[in-house]
Amino acid sequence: QVQLVESGGGLVQPGGSLRLSCASSGSIAHIYDMGWYRQAPGKQRELVGAIISGGSTNYADSVKGRFTISRDNAKNTMYLQMNSLKPEDTAVYYCNADVLATTRARAAYWGQGTQVTVSS
C-alpha cells in the first residue's frame, strides 16, 4: 500500500508565500513522475506542474515564474514553493505520483488535498 500526504496549506495574503509538501510512504520501490494539481470551487482539477524522477519540471502558464516544484528522492517527498500568491490561486492542492510498488505493481496515487486560500 502507498500513501501520499500533503501538508503546508493555509491562509495567506496576496503577494505572500507558502510551501506545500507531499510525503510518500508505504511499499515503494520507485517513484516516477510526480505532480501538483489544484481544484478551485466550481472548476475542474487542473495541473499546476510536474517533476520527473530526474528533476526536470514543467508548469502551467498561470504559475510560471511564481511556483517552483522540487523533490527529495531520498525522502520520497515533493515540494511546491508558491510565491507572489494571487486570490485566483485559491484551491485545494493535490499531489499525484506514478509509483512502482515493491510488489512490482505500478499505479498512480493521489493525496487527500490541502486547502490554500489567498485573501486579504
Protein backbone atom coordinates (compact mmCIF):
# COMPACT_ATOMS: atom_id res chain seq x y z
CA GLN A 1 0.00 0.00 0.00
CA VAL A 2 1.18 3.50 -0.90
CA GLN A 3 0.08 6.74 0.75
CA LEU A 4 0.60 10.37 -0.25
CA VAL A 5 0.07 13.07 2.36
CA GLU A 6 0.08 16.79 1.58
CA SER A 7 0.81 19.46 4.16
CA GLY A 8 1.57 23.16 4.36
CA GLY A 9 -1.66 24.70 3.17
CA GLY A 10 -3.34 27.63 4.87
CA LEU A 11 -4.49 31.22 4.61
CA VAL A 12 -2.10 33.77 3.14
CA GLN A 13 -2.42 37.35 1.97
CA PRO A 14 -2.00 38.27 -1.70
CA GLY A 15 1.67 38.54 -2.53
CA GLY A 16 2.60 36.08 0.17
CA SER A 17 4.26 32.67 0.01
CA LEU A 18 3.52 29.11 1.06
CA ARG A 19 5.42 25.86 0.76
CA LEU A 20 3.50 22.64 0.29
CA SER A 21 4.93 19.19 0.90
CA CYS A 22 3.83 15.81 -0.39
CA ALA A 23 5.25 12.89 1.55
CA SER A 24 5.02 9.41 0.05
CA SER A 25 5.18 6.31 2.19
CA GLY A 26 4.48 2.60 2.07
CA SER A 27 5.74 -0.21 -0.12
CA ILE A 28 7.58 1.96 -2.65
CA ALA A 29 10.22 0.62 -5.00
CA HIS A 30 10.47 3.69 -7.23
CA ILE A 31 8.59 6.94 -7.89
CA TYR A 32 8.48 8.14 -11.47
CA ASP A 33 6.73 11.41 -12.32
CA MET A 34 5.13 13.47 -9.58
CA GLY A 35 2.78 16.37 -10.00
CA TRP A 36 0.77 19.04 -8.25
CA TYR A 37 -2.83 19.68 -9.22
CA ARG A 38 -5.40 22.10 -7.87
CA GLN A 39 -9.16 22.39 -7.89
CA ALA A 40 -10.99 25.61 -7.20
CA PRO A 41 -14.69 25.64 -6.24
CA GLY A 42 -16.86 25.02 -9.27
CA LYS A 43 -13.88 24.28 -11.51
CA GLN A 44 -12.19 21.20 -12.86
CA ARG A 45 -8.98 19.91 -11.38
CA GLU A 46 -6.01 21.34 -13.29
CA LEU A 47 -2.32 20.55 -13.50
CA VAL A 48 -0.12 23.07 -11.71
CA GLY A 49 3.16 21.44 -12.62
CA ALA A 50 5.11 18.22 -12.65
CA ILE A 51 8.59 16.87 -11.97
CA ILE A 52 10.15 13.69 -13.30
CA SER A 53 12.48 11.48 -11.29
CA GLY A 54 15.50 13.12 -12.93
CA GLY A 55 14.39 16.55 -11.79
CA SER A 56 13.07 18.22 -14.95
CA THR A 57 9.96 20.30 -14.37
CA ASN A 58 7.12 21.87 -16.30
CA TYR A 59 4.48 24.33 -15.18
CA ALA A 60 1.11 25.70 -16.15
CA ASP A 61 1.39 29.14 -17.74
CA SER A 62 -0.62 30.63 -14.89
CA VAL A 63 2.08 29.80 -12.32
CA LYS A 64 5.31 30.06 -14.32
CA GLY A 65 7.83 32.28 -12.60
CA ARG A 66 5.94 32.15 -9.30
CA PHE A 67 5.81 28.45 -8.35
CA THR A 68 8.71 26.02 -8.09
CA ILE A 69 8.47 22.24 -7.77
CA SER A 70 11.27 20.20 -6.28
CA ARG A 71 11.69 16.70 -4.90
CA ASP A 72 13.89 14.84 -2.47
CA ASN A 73 14.11 11.30 -3.81
CA ALA A 74 15.80 10.02 -0.66
CA LYS A 75 12.76 11.14 1.35
CA ASN A 76 10.15 10.32 -1.32
CA THR A 77 8.91 13.87 -0.86
CA MET A 78 7.88 16.56 -3.32
CA TYR A 79 7.57 20.26 -2.61
CA LEU A 80 5.71 23.19 -4.12
CA GLN A 81 7.11 26.62 -3.31
CA MET A 82 4.47 29.21 -4.10
CA ASN A 83 5.46 32.88 -4.23
CA SER A 84 3.60 36.04 -5.22
CA LEU A 85 0.32 34.31 -4.49
CA LYS A 86 -2.87 35.69 -6.01
CA PRO A 87 -6.51 35.24 -4.98
CA GLU A 88 -7.01 33.11 -8.09
CA ASP A 89 -4.52 30.59 -6.67
CA THR A 90 -7.10 29.70 -4.03
CA ALA A 91 -7.90 26.00 -4.37
CA VAL A 92 -7.43 22.58 -2.88
CA TYR A 93 -3.98 21.38 -3.91
CA TYR A 94 -3.40 17.70 -4.57
CA CYS A 95 -0.25 15.74 -5.23
CA ASN A 96 -0.05 12.82 -7.61
CA ALA A 97 2.67 10.24 -8.06
CA ASP A 98 3.36 7.44 -10.52
CA VAL A 99 4.65 4.70 -8.23
CA LEU A 100 6.20 1.30 -8.69
CA ALA A 101 5.44 -0.69 -5.56
CA THR A 102 7.64 -3.41 -4.13
CA THR A 103 5.02 -5.85 -5.41
CA ARG A 104 6.06 -4.67 -8.92
CA ALA A 105 2.61 -3.20 -9.46
CA ARG A 106 2.67 0.32 -10.94
CA ALA A 107 -0.12 2.80 -10.35
CA ALA A 108 -0.95 6.47 -9.89
CA TYR A 109 -1.74 7.64 -6.38
CA TRP A 110 -3.35 10.82 -5.05
CA GLY A 111 -3.07 12.63 -1.77
CA GLN A 112 -6.09 13.85 0.15
CA GLY A 113 -5.50 17.50 -0.68
CA THR A 114 -4.60 20.63 1.27
CA GLN A 115 -6.51 23.90 1.17
CA VAL A 116 -4.74 27.08 0.06
CA THR A 117 -6.65 30.32 0.49
CA VAL A 118 -5.26 33.63 -0.74
CA SER A 119 -7.20 36.52 0.70
CA SER A 120 -6.73 39.82 2.46
